Amino acid sequence: LVIILEESLGAQYVGSLGGLSLTPEIDKLNKQGWAFSNLFATGTR
């Protein structure tokens, strides 16, 4: 298992989740794996 925790990355910046088109690589990966369209963080830190 490898977990990559991306710092401060909200869905508002991810094009494939309805946000700004700033993350073409994540958009590409969302089409390759098991992606979650309504995943929510537990906090703000």
All heavy atoms as atom14 arrays in JSON, in Angstrom:
{
  "sequence": "LVIILEESLGAQYVGSLGGLSLTPEIDKLNKQGWAFSNLFATGTR",
  "atom14_mask": [
    [1, 1, 1, 1, 1, 1, 1, 1, 0, 0, 0, 0, 0, 0],
    [1, 1, 1, 1, 1, 1, 1, 0, 0, 0, 0, 0, 0, 0],
    [1, 1, 1, 1, 1, 1, 1, 1, 0, 0, 0, 0, 0, 0],
    [1, 1, 1, 1, 1, 1, 1, 1, 0, 0, 0, 0, 0, 0],
    [1, 1, 1, 1, 1, 1, 1, 1, 0, 0, 0, 0, 0, 0],
    [1, 1, 1, 1, 1, 1, 1, 1, 1, 0, 0, 0, 0, 0],
    [1, 1, 1, 1, 1, 1, 1, 1, 1, 0, 0, 0, 0, 0],
    [1, 1, 1, 1, 1, 1, 0, 0, 0, 0, 0, 0, 0, 0],
    [1, 1, 1, 1, 1, 1, 1, 1, 0, 0, 0, 0, 0, 0],
    [1, 1, 1, 1, 0, 0, 0, 0, 0, 0, 0, 0, 0, 0],
    [1, 1, 1, 1, 1, 0, 0, 0, 0, 0, 0, 0, 0, 0],
    [1, 1, 1, 1, 1, 1, 1, 1, 1, 0, 0, 0, 0, 0],
    [1, 1, 1, 1, 1, 1, 1, 1, 1, 1, 1, 1, 0, 0],
    [1, 1, 1, 1, 1, 1, 1, 0, 0, 0, 0, 0, 0, 0],
    [1, 1, 1, 1, 0, 0, 0, 0, 0, 0, 0, 0, 0, 0],
    [1, 1, 1, 1, 1, 1, 0, 0, 0, 0, 0, 0, 0, 0],
    [1, 1, 1, 1, 1, 1, 1, 1, 0, 0, 0, 0, 0, 0],
    [1, 1, 1, 1, 0, 0, 0, 0, 0, 0, 0, 0, 0, 0],
    [1, 1, 1, 1, 0, 0, 0, 0, 0, 0, 0, 0, 0, 0],
    [1, 1, 1, 1, 1, 1, 1, 1, 0, 0, 0, 0, 0, 0],
    [1, 1, 1, 1, 1, 1, 0, 0, 0, 0, 0, 0, 0, 0],
    [1, 1, 1, 1, 1, 1, 1, 1, 0, 0, 0, 0, 0, 0],
    [1, 1, 1, 1, 1, 1, 1, 0, 0, 0, 0, 0, 0, 0],
    [1, 1, 1, 1, 1, 1, 1, 0, 0, 0, 0, 0, 0, 0],
    [1, 1, 1, 1, 1, 1, 1, 1, 1, 0, 0, 0, 0, 0],
    [1, 1, 1, 1, 1, 1, 1, 1, 0, 0, 0, 0, 0, 0],
    [1, 1, 1, 1, 1, 1, 1, 1, 0, 0, 0, 0, 0, 0],
    [1, 1, 1, 1, 1, 1, 1, 1, 1, 0, 0, 0, 0, 0],
    [1, 1, 1, 1, 1, 1, 1, 1, 0, 0, 0, 0, 0, 0],
    [1, 1, 1, 1, 1, 1, 1, 1, 0, 0, 0, 0, 0, 0],
    [1, 1, 1, 1, 1, 1, 1, 1, 1, 0, 0, 0, 0, 0],
    [1, 1, 1, 1, 1, 1, 1, 1, 1, 0, 0, 0, 0, 0],
    [1, 1, 1, 1, 0, 0, 0, 0, 0, 0, 0, 0, 0, 0],
    [1, 1, 1, 1, 1, 1, 1, 1, 1, 1, 1, 1, 1, 1],
    [1, 1, 1, 1, 1, 0, 0, 0, 0, 0, 0, 0, 0, 0],
    [1, 1, 1, 1, 1, 1, 1, 1, 1, 1, 1, 0, 0, 0],
    [1, 1, 1, 1, 1, 1, 0, 0, 0, 0, 0, 0, 0, 0],
    [1, 1, 1, 1, 1, 1, 1, 1, 0, 0, 0, 0, 0, 0],
    [1, 1, 1, 1, 1, 1, 1, 1, 0, 0, 0, 0, 0, 0],
    [1, 1, 1, 1, 1, 1, 1, 1, 1, 1, 1, 0, 0, 0],
    [1, 1, 1, 1, 1, 0, 0, 0, 0, 0, 0, 0, 0, 0],
    [1, 1, 1, 1, 1, 1, 1, 0, 0, 0, 0, 0, 0, 0],
    [1, 1, 1, 1, 0, 0, 0, 0, 0, 0, 0, 0, 0, 0],
    [1, 1, 1, 1, 1, 1, 1, 0, 0, 0, 0, 0, 0, 0],
    [1, 1, 1, 1, 1, 1, 1, 1, 1, 1, 1, 0, 0, 0]
  ],
  "atom14_positions": [
    [[0.84, -1.2, 0.0], [0.0, 0.0, 0.0], [0.87, 1.25, 0.0], [1.84, 1.35, 0.77], [-0.91, 0.02, 1.23], [-1.75, 1.28, 1.44], [-2.75, 1.48, 0.31], [-2.47, 1.23, 2.79], [0.0, 0.0, 0.0], [0.0, 0.0, 0.0], [0.0, 0.0, 0.0], [0.0, 0.0, 0.0], [0.0, 0.0, 0.0], [0.0, 0.0, 0.0]],
    [[0.51, 2.2, -0.86], [1.11, 3.54, -0.85], [-0.04, 4.54, -0.75], [-0.96, 4.52, -1.57], [1.94, 3.81, -2.12], [2.42, 5.27, -2.13], [3.12, 2.86, -2.2], [0.0, 0.0, 0.0], [0.0, 0.0, 0.0], [0.0, 0.0, 0.0], [0.0, 0.0, 0.0], [0.0, 0.0, 0.0], [0.0, 0.0, 0.0], [0.0, 0.0, 0.0]],
    [[0.01, 5.38, 0.25], [-0.96, 6.47, 0.38], [-0.24, 7.78, 0.12], [0.78, 8.08, 0.76], [-1.6, 6.51, 1.79], [-2.44, 5.25, 2.03], [-2.47, 7.75, 1.94], [-3.06, 5.19, 3.42], [0.0, 0.0, 0.0], [0.0, 0.0, 0.0], [0.0, 0.0, 0.0], [0.0, 0.0, 0.0], [0.0, 0.0, 0.0], [0.0, 0.0, 0.0]],
    [[-0.74, 8.55, -0.84], [-0.19, 9.87, -1.13], [-1.2, 10.91, -0.65], [-2.32, 11.0, -1.17], [0.08, 10.05, -2.63], [1.1, 9.0, -3.11], [0.59, 11.46, -2.93], [1.28, 8.96, -4.61], [0.0, 0.0, 0.0], [0.0, 0.0, 0.0], [0.0, 0.0, 0.0], [0.0, 0.0, 0.0], [0.0, 0.0, 0.0], [0.0, 0.0, 0.0]],
    [[-0.82, 11.64, 0.39], [-1.69, 12.66, 0.95], [-1.3, 14.01, 0.35], [-0.21, 14.52, 0.59], [-1.55, 12.7, 2.48], [-2.62, 13.48, 3.24], [-3.98, 12.8, 3.12], [-2.25, 13.63, 4.71], [0.0, 0.0, 0.0], [0.0, 0.0, 0.0], [0.0, 0.0, 0.0], [0.0, 0.0, 0.0], [0.0, 0.0, 0.0], [0.0, 0.0, 0.0]],
    [[-2.2, 14.56, -0.46], [-1.95, 15.82, -1.15], [-2.34, 17.0, -0.27], [-3.46, 17.07, 0.22], [-2.72, 15.86, -2.47], [-2.14, 14.98, -3.55], [-0.85, 15.55, -4.15], [-0.67, 16.79, -4.13], [-0.03, 14.77, -4.64], [0.0, 0.0, 0.0], [0.0, 0.0, 0.0], [0.0, 0.0, 0.0], [0.0, 0.0, 0.0], [0.0, 0.0, 0.0]],
    [[-1.41, 17.9, -0.09], [-1.62, 19.07, 0.76], [-2.65, 20.03, 0.17], [-2.56, 20.42, -1.0], [-0.29, 19.81, 0.96], [-0.38, 21.16, 1.65], [-0.72, 21.05, 3.12], [-0.03, 20.3, 3.83], [-1.69, 21.71, 3.55], [0.0, 0.0, 0.0], [0.0, 0.0, 0.0], [0.0, 0.0, 0.0], [0.0, 0.0, 0.0], [0.0, 0.0, 0.0]],
    [[-3.67, 20.38, 0.97], [-4.59, 21.5, 0.68], [-5.19, 21.46, -0.71], [-5.18, 22.47, -1.42], [-3.86, 22.83, 0.89], [-3.31, 22.93, 2.16], [0.0, 0.0, 0.0], [0.0, 0.0, 0.0], [0.0, 0.0, 0.0], [0.0, 0.0, 0.0], [0.0, 0.0, 0.0], [0.0, 0.0, 0.0], [0.0, 0.0, 0.0], [0.0, 0.0, 0.0]],
    [[-5.75, 20.34, -1.1], [-6.29, 20.21, -2.46], [-7.79, 19.92, -2.4], [-8.21, 18.78, -2.22], [-5.56, 19.11, -3.23], [-5.98, 18.93, -4.69], [-5.75, 20.22, -5.48], [-5.22, 17.78, -5.32], [0.0, 0.0, 0.0], [0.0, 0.0, 0.0], [0.0, 0.0, 0.0], [0.0, 0.0, 0.0], [0.0, 0.0, 0.0], [0.0, 0.0, 0.0]],
    [[-8.6, 20.96, -2.56], [-10.04, 20.79, -2.54], [-10.6, 20.46, -3.91], [-9.97, 20.71, -4.94], [0.0, 0.0, 0.0], [0.0, 0.0, 0.0], [0.0, 0.0, 0.0], [0.0, 0.0, 0.0], [0.0, 0.0, 0.0], [0.0, 0.0, 0.0], [0.0, 0.0, 0.0], [0.0, 0.0, 0.0], [0.0, 0.0, 0.0], [0.0, 0.0, 0.0]],
    [[-11.8, 19.91, -3.92], [-12.47, 19.58, -5.18], [-12.72, 20.82, -6.03], [-12.86, 20.72, -7.25], [-13.79, 18.86, -4.89], [0.0, 0.0, 0.0], [0.0, 0.0, 0.0], [0.0, 0.0, 0.0], [0.0, 0.0, 0.0], [0.0, 0.0, 0.0], [0.0, 0.0, 0.0], [0.0, 0.0, 0.0], [0.0, 0.0, 0.0], [0.0, 0.0, 0.0]],
    [[-12.73, 21.98, -5.4], [-12.97, 23.22, -6.15], [-11.87, 23.51, -7.16], [-12.04, 24.35, -8.05], [-13.09, 24.4, -5.18], [-11.85, 24.68, -4.35], [-12.01, 25.92, -3.5], [-12.38, 26.98, -3.99], [-11.74, 25.79, -2.2], [0.0, 0.0, 0.0], [0.0, 0.0, 0.0], [0.0, 0.0, 0.0], [0.0, 0.0, 0.0], [0.0, 0.0, 0.0]],
    [[-10.74, 22.8, -7.06], [-9.64, 22.99, -8.0], [-9.48, 21.82, -8.97], [-8.54, 21.79, -9.75], [-8.32, 23.19, -7.24], [-8.37, 24.34, -6.26], [-8.4, 24.12, -4.89], [-8.41, 25.65, -6.71], [-8.45, 25.17, -3.99], [-8.48, 26.71, -5.82], [-8.49, 26.46, -4.47], [-8.56, 27.51, -3.59], [0.0, 0.0, 0.0], [0.0, 0.0, 0.0]],
    [[-10.39, 20.85, -8.9], [-10.29, 19.63, -9.71], [-11.38, 19.63, -10.76], [-12.57, 19.56, -10.44], [-10.39, 18.38, -8.82], [-10.28, 17.11, -9.66], [-9.3, 18.4, -7.75], [0.0, 0.0, 0.0], [0.0, 0.0, 0.0], [0.0, 0.0, 0.0], [0.0, 0.0, 0.0], [0.0, 0.0, 0.0], [0.0, 0.0, 0.0], [0.0, 0.0, 0.0]],
    [[-10.98, 19.71, -12.03], [-11.94, 19.83, -13.12], [-12.93, 18.7, -13.19], [-14.13, 18.91, -13.41], [0.0, 0.0, 0.0], [0.0, 0.0, 0.0], [0.0, 0.0, 0.0], [0.0, 0.0, 0.0], [0.0, 0.0, 0.0], [0.0, 0.0, 0.0], [0.0, 0.0, 0.0], [0.0, 0.0, 0.0], [0.0, 0.0, 0.0], [0.0, 0.0, 0.0]],
    [[-12.47, 17.47, -12.97], [-13.36, 16.31, -13.08], [-14.36, 16.23, -11.93], [-15.28, 15.41, -11.96], [-12.53, 15.01, -13.13], [-11.7, 14.9, -11.99], [0.0, 0.0, 0.0], [0.0, 0.0, 0.0], [0.0, 0.0, 0.0], [0.0, 0.0, 0.0], [0.0, 0.0, 0.0], [0.0, 0.0, 0.0], [0.0, 0.0, 0.0], [0.0, 0.0, 0.0]],
    [[-14.2, 17.08, -10.92], [-15.14, 17.14, -9.8], [-15.95, 18.43, -9.81], [-16.56, 18.8, -8.81], [-14.4, 17.0, -8.47], [-13.67, 15.67, -8.25], [-12.91, 15.67, -6.93], [-14.65, 14.49, -8.29], [0.0, 0.0, 0.0], [0.0, 0.0, 0.0], [0.0, 0.0, 0.0], [0.0, 0.0, 0.0], [0.0, 0.0, 0.0], [0.0, 0.0, 0.0]],
    [[-15.94, 19.11, -10.96], [-16.72, 20.33, -11.1], [-15.99, 21.59, -10.72], [-16.61, 22.67, -10.68], [0.0, 0.0, 0.0], [0.0, 0.0, 0.0], [0.0, 0.0, 0.0], [0.0, 0.0, 0.0], [0.0, 0.0, 0.0], [0.0, 0.0, 0.0], [0.0, 0.0, 0.0], [0.0, 0.0, 0.0], [0.0, 0.0, 0.0], [0.0, 0.0, 0.0]],
    [[-14.67, 21.5, -10.46], [-13.91, 22.67, -10.06], [-13.12, 23.27, -11.21], [-13.36, 22.97, -12.39], [0.0, 0.0, 0.0], [0.0, 0.0, 0.0], [0.0, 0.0, 0.0], [0.0, 0.0, 0.0], [0.0, 0.0, 0.0], [0.0, 0.0, 0.0], [0.0, 0.0, 0.0], [0.0, 0.0, 0.0], [0.0, 0.0, 0.0], [0.0, 0.0, 0.0]],
    [[-12.16, 24.13, -10.89], [-11.29, 24.74, -11.89], [-10.42, 23.67, -12.55], [-10.09, 22.65, -11.93], [-10.4, 25.79, -11.24], [-11.11, 26.99, -10.6], [-10.1, 27.87, -9.85], [-11.83, 27.81, -11.66], [0.0, 0.0, 0.0], [0.0, 0.0, 0.0], [0.0, 0.0, 0.0], [0.0, 0.0, 0.0], [0.0, 0.0, 0.0], [0.0, 0.0, 0.0]],
    [[-10.03, 23.91, -13.77], [-9.23, 22.92, -14.52], [-7.75, 23.11, -14.22], [-6.96, 23.51, -15.09], [-9.52, 23.06, -16.02], [-10.87, 22.81, -16.29], [0.0, 0.0, 0.0], [0.0, 0.0, 0.0], [0.0, 0.0, 0.0], [0.0, 0.0, 0.0], [0.0, 0.0, 0.0], [0.0, 0.0, 0.0], [0.0, 0.0, 0.0], [0.0, 0.0, 0.0]],
    [[-7.36, 22.79, -12.98], [-5.97, 22.97, -12.57], [-5.24, 21.64, -12.41], [-4.03, 21.63, -12.21], [-5.92, 23.73, -11.23], [-6.5, 25.14, -11.22], [-6.43, 25.73, -9.82], [-5.77, 26.04, -12.21], [0.0, 0.0, 0.0], [0.0, 0.0, 0.0], [0.0, 0.0, 0.0], [0.0, 0.0, 0.0], [0.0, 0.0, 0.0], [0.0, 0.0, 0.0]],
    [[-5.97, 20.52, -12.49], [-5.37, 19.23, -12.16], [-5.6, 18.19, -13.27], [-6.29, 17.19, -13.05], [-5.95, 18.69, -10.83], [-7.38, 18.57, -10.98], [-5.64, 19.62, -9.67], [0.0, 0.0, 0.0], [0.0, 0.0, 0.0], [0.0, 0.0, 0.0], [0.0, 0.0, 0.0], [0.0, 0.0, 0.0], [0.0, 0.0, 0.0], [0.0, 0.0, 0.0]],
    [[-5.02, 18.39, -14.43], [-5.23, 17.42, -15.52], [-4.74, 16.02, -15.17], [-5.31, 15.03, -15.65], [-4.44, 18.02, -16.69], [-3.46, 18.96, -16.06], [-4.15, 19.5, -14.86], [0.0, 0.0, 0.0], [0.0, 0.0, 0.0], [0.0, 0.0, 0.0], [0.0, 0.0, 0.0], [0.0, 0.0, 0.0], [0.0, 0.0, 0.0], [0.0, 0.0, 0.0]],
    [[-3.71, 15.9, -14.34], [-3.19, 14.59, -13.99], [-4.16, 13.83, -13.08], [-4.42, 12.64, -13.27], [-1.82, 14.71, -13.3], [-0.75, 15.32, -14.19], [-0.48, 14.49, -15.43], [-0.61, 13.25, -15.36], [-0.16, 15.08, -16.48], [0.0, 0.0, 0.0], [0.0, 0.0, 0.0], [0.0, 0.0, 0.0], [0.0, 0.0, 0.0], [0.0, 0.0, 0.0]],
    [[-4.71, 14.52, -12.09], [-5.7, 13.87, -11.23], [-6.96, 13.54, -12.02], [-7.57, 12.48, -11.84], [-6.03, 14.75, -10.01], [-4.83, 14.77, -9.05], [-7.28, 14.26, -9.28], [-5.02, 15.62, -7.82], [0.0, 0.0, 0.0], [0.0, 0.0, 0.0], [0.0, 0.0, 0.0], [0.0, 0.0, 0.0], [0.0, 0.0, 0.0], [0.0, 0.0, 0.0]],
    [[-7.35, 14.43, -12.93], [-8.49, 14.14, -13.8], [-8.25, 12.86, -14.59], [-9.16, 12.03, -14.75], [-8.74, 15.3, -14.75], [-9.17, 16.57, -14.04], [-9.65, 16.46, -12.89], [-9.04, 17.67, -14.61], [0.0, 0.0, 0.0], [0.0, 0.0, 0.0], [0.0, 0.0, 0.0], [0.0, 0.0, 0.0], [0.0, 0.0, 0.0], [0.0, 0.0, 0.0]],
    [[-7.03, 12.68, -15.06], [-6.68, 11.49, -15.82], [-6.72, 10.25, -14.93], [-7.25, 9.2, -15.31], [-5.27, 11.67, -16.4], [-4.83, 10.57, -17.36], [-3.33, 10.69, -17.69], [-2.96, 12.07, -18.16], [-1.49, 12.15, -18.44], [0.0, 0.0, 0.0], [0.0, 0.0, 0.0], [0.0, 0.0, 0.0], [0.0, 0.0, 0.0], [0.0, 0.0, 0.0]],
    [[-6.2, 10.38, -13.72], [-6.18, 9.24, -12.8], [-7.59, 8.85, -12.36], [-7.87, 7.67, -12.12], [-5.31, 9.56, -11.58], [-3.83, 9.81, -11.87], [-3.1, 10.25, -10.6], [-3.18, 8.56, -12.45], [0.0, 0.0, 0.0], [0.0, 0.0, 0.0], [0.0, 0.0, 0.0], [0.0, 0.0, 0.0], [0.0, 0.0, 0.0], [0.0, 0.0, 0.0]],
    [[-8.47, 9.84, -12.25], [-9.86, 9.54, -11.89], [-10.54, 8.64, -12.92], [-11.52, 7.96, -12.61], [-10.65, 10.84, -11.71], [-10.43, 11.49, -10.36], [-9.89, 10.87, -9.44], [-10.83, 12.74, -10.23], [0.0, 0.0, 0.0], [0.0, 0.0, 0.0], [0.0, 0.0, 0.0], [0.0, 0.0, 0.0], [0.0, 0.0, 0.0], [0.0, 0.0, 0.0]],
    [[-10.04, 8.66, -14.15], [-10.6, 7.82, -15.21], [-9.93, 6.44, -15.27], [-10.32, 5.59, -16.05], [-10.45, 8.51, -16.56], [-11.24, 9.81, -16.68], [-11.0, 10.49, -18.02], [-11.78, 11.79, -18.12], [-11.53, 12.48, -19.42], [0.0, 0.0, 0.0], [0.0, 0.0, 0.0], [0.0, 0.0, 0.0], [0.0, 0.0, 0.0], [0.0, 0.0, 0.0]],
    [[-8.9, 6.27, -14.42], [-8.15, 5.01, -14.44], [-8.43, 4.13, -13.22], [-8.15, 2.93, -13.24], [-6.65, 5.3, -14.52], [-6.23, 6.03, -15.77], [-4.76, 6.43, -15.74], [-4.0, 6.02, -14.85], [-4.35, 7.24, -16.71], [0.0, 0.0, 0.0], [0.0, 0.0, 0.0], [0.0, 0.0, 0.0], [0.0, 0.0, 0.0], [0.0, 0.0, 0.0]],
    [[-8.91, 4.73, -12.14], [-9.07, 3.97, -10.9], [-10.47, 4.09, -10.32], [-11.44, 4.46, -10.99], [0.0, 0.0, 0.0], [0.0, 0.0, 0.0], [0.0, 0.0, 0.0], [0.0, 0.0, 0.0], [0.0, 0.0, 0.0], [0.0, 0.0, 0.0], [0.0, 0.0, 0.0], [0.0, 0.0, 0.0], [0.0, 0.0, 0.0], [0.0, 0.0, 0.0]],
    [[-10.56, 3.78, -9.04], [-11.81, 3.88, -8.29], [-11.84, 5.28, -7.67], [-11.21, 5.55, -6.66], [-11.84, 2.79, -7.22], [-13.07, 2.74, -6.38], [-14.17, 3.55, -6.44], [-13.34, 1.8, -5.33], [-15.09, 3.2, -5.5], [-14.62, 2.12, -4.81], [-12.63, 0.73, -4.78], [-15.18, 1.4, -3.75], [-13.2, 0.03, -3.73], [-14.46, 0.35, -3.22]],
    [[-12.55, 6.18, -8.33], [-12.57, 7.57, -7.91], [-13.86, 7.87, -7.14], [-14.9, 7.26, -7.37], [-12.46, 8.49, -9.12], [0.0, 0.0, 0.0], [0.0, 0.0, 0.0], [0.0, 0.0, 0.0], [0.0, 0.0, 0.0], [0.0, 0.0, 0.0], [0.0, 0.0, 0.0], [0.0, 0.0, 0.0], [0.0, 0.0, 0.0], [0.0, 0.0, 0.0]],
    [[-13.76, 8.84, -6.23], [-14.9, 9.21, -5.39], [-15.32, 10.64, -5.73], [-14.52, 11.57, -5.6], [-14.53, 9.1, -3.91], [-14.06, 7.72, -3.53], [-12.71, 7.43, -3.42], [-14.98, 6.7, -3.31], [-12.27, 6.16, -3.08], [-14.55, 5.42, -2.98], [-13.2, 5.15, -2.86], [0.0, 0.0, 0.0], [0.0, 0.0, 0.0], [0.0, 0.0, 0.0]],
    [[-16.56, 10.79, -6.14], [-17.03, 12.12, -6.55], [-17.56, 12.93, -5.38], [-17.69, 14.15, -5.48], [-18.13, 11.98, -7.61], [-19.26, 11.3, -7.09], [0.0, 0.0, 0.0], [0.0, 0.0, 0.0], [0.0, 0.0, 0.0], [0.0, 0.0, 0.0], [0.0, 0.0, 0.0], [0.0, 0.0, 0.0], [0.0, 0.0, 0.0], [0.0, 0.0, 0.0]],
    [[-17.87, 12.27, -4.26], [-18.42, 12.97, -3.09], [-17.7, 12.55, -1.82], [-18.3, 12.09, -0.86], [-19.92, 12.7, -2.97], [-20.72, 13.34, -4.08], [-20.63, 14.55, -4.3], [-21.48, 12.54, -4.81], [0.0, 0.0, 0.0], [0.0, 0.0, 0.0], [0.0, 0.0, 0.0], [0.0, 0.0, 0.0], [0.0, 0.0, 0.0], [0.0, 0.0, 0.0]],
    [[-16.38, 12.7, -1.84], [-15.54, 12.4, -0.68], [-15.36, 13.67, 0.14], [-15.05, 14.74, -0.41], [-14.18, 11.87, -1.14], [-13.09, 11.69, -0.09], [-13.5, 10.68, 0.98], [-11.79, 11.26, -0.76], [0.0, 0.0, 0.0], [0.0, 0.0, 0.0], [0.0, 0.0, 0.0], [0.0, 0.0, 0.0], [0.0, 0.0, 0.0], [0.0, 0.0, 0.0]],
    [[-15.53, 13.55, 1.46], [-15.46, 14.73, 2.33], [-14.39, 14.55, 3.41], [-14.31, 13.5, 4.05], [-16.82, 14.99, 2.98], [-17.85, 15.45, 2.0], [-18.64, 14.53, 1.33], [-18.01, 16.8, 1.71], [-19.59, 14.94, 0.4], [-18.97, 17.23, 0.8], [-19.75, 16.3, 0.13], [0.0, 0.0, 0.0], [0.0, 0.0, 0.0], [0.0, 0.0, 0.0]],
    [[-13.57, 15.6, 3.56], [-12.57, 15.62, 4.62], [-13.26, 15.76, 5.97], [-14.4, 16.24, 6.07], [-11.6, 16.78, 4.4], [0.0, 0.0, 0.0], [0.0, 0.0, 0.0], [0.0, 0.0, 0.0], [0.0, 0.0, 0.0], [0.0, 0.0, 0.0], [0.0, 0.0, 0.0], [0.0, 0.0, 0.0], [0.0, 0.0, 0.0], [0.0, 0.0, 0.0]],
    [[-12.56, 15.37, 7.03], [-13.12, 15.49, 8.37], [-12.79, 16.83, 9.02], [-13.39, 17.18, 10.04], [-12.61, 14.37, 9.29], [-11.17, 14.43, 9.33], [-13.04, 13.01, 8.78], [0.0, 0.0, 0.0], [0.0, 0.0, 0.0], [0.0, 0.0, 0.0], [0.0, 0.0, 0.0], [0.0, 0.0, 0.0], [0.0, 0.0, 0.0], [0.0, 0.0, 0.0]],
    [[-11.84, 17.58, 8.46], [-11.45, 18.83, 9.09], [-10.76, 19.76, 8.13], [-10.83, 19.62, 6.9], [0.0, 0.0, 0.0], [0.0, 0.0, 0.0], [0.0, 0.0, 0.0], [0.0, 0.0, 0.0], [0.0, 0.0, 0.0], [0.0, 0.0, 0.0], [0.0, 0.0, 0.0], [0.0, 0.0, 0.0], [0.0, 0.0, 0.0], [0.0, 0.0, 0.0]],
    [[-10.03, 20.72, 8.71], [-9.41, 21.79, 7.92], [-7.9, 21.88, 8.12], [-7.29, 22.83, 7.66], [-10.04, 23.15, 8.3], [-9.81, 23.4, 9.7], [-11.53, 23.15, 8.04], [0.0, 0.0, 0.0], [0.0, 0.0, 0.0], [0.0, 0.0, 0.0], [0.0, 0.0, 0.0], [0.0, 0.0, 0.0], [0.0, 0.0, 0.0], [0.0, 0.0, 0.0]],
    [[-7.33, 20.92, 8.81], [-5.89, 20.9, 9.05], [-5.3, 19.59, 8.57], [-5.96, 18.56, 8.54], [-5.58, 21.04, 10.55], [-5.85, 22.4, 11.16], [-4.86, 23.47, 10.75], [-3.48, 23.02, 10.78], [-2.72, 22.96, 11.88], [-3.21, 23.29, 13.04], [-1.46, 22.58, 11.78], [0.0, 0.0, 0.0], [0.0, 0.0, 0.0], [0.0, 0.0, 0.0]]
  ]
}
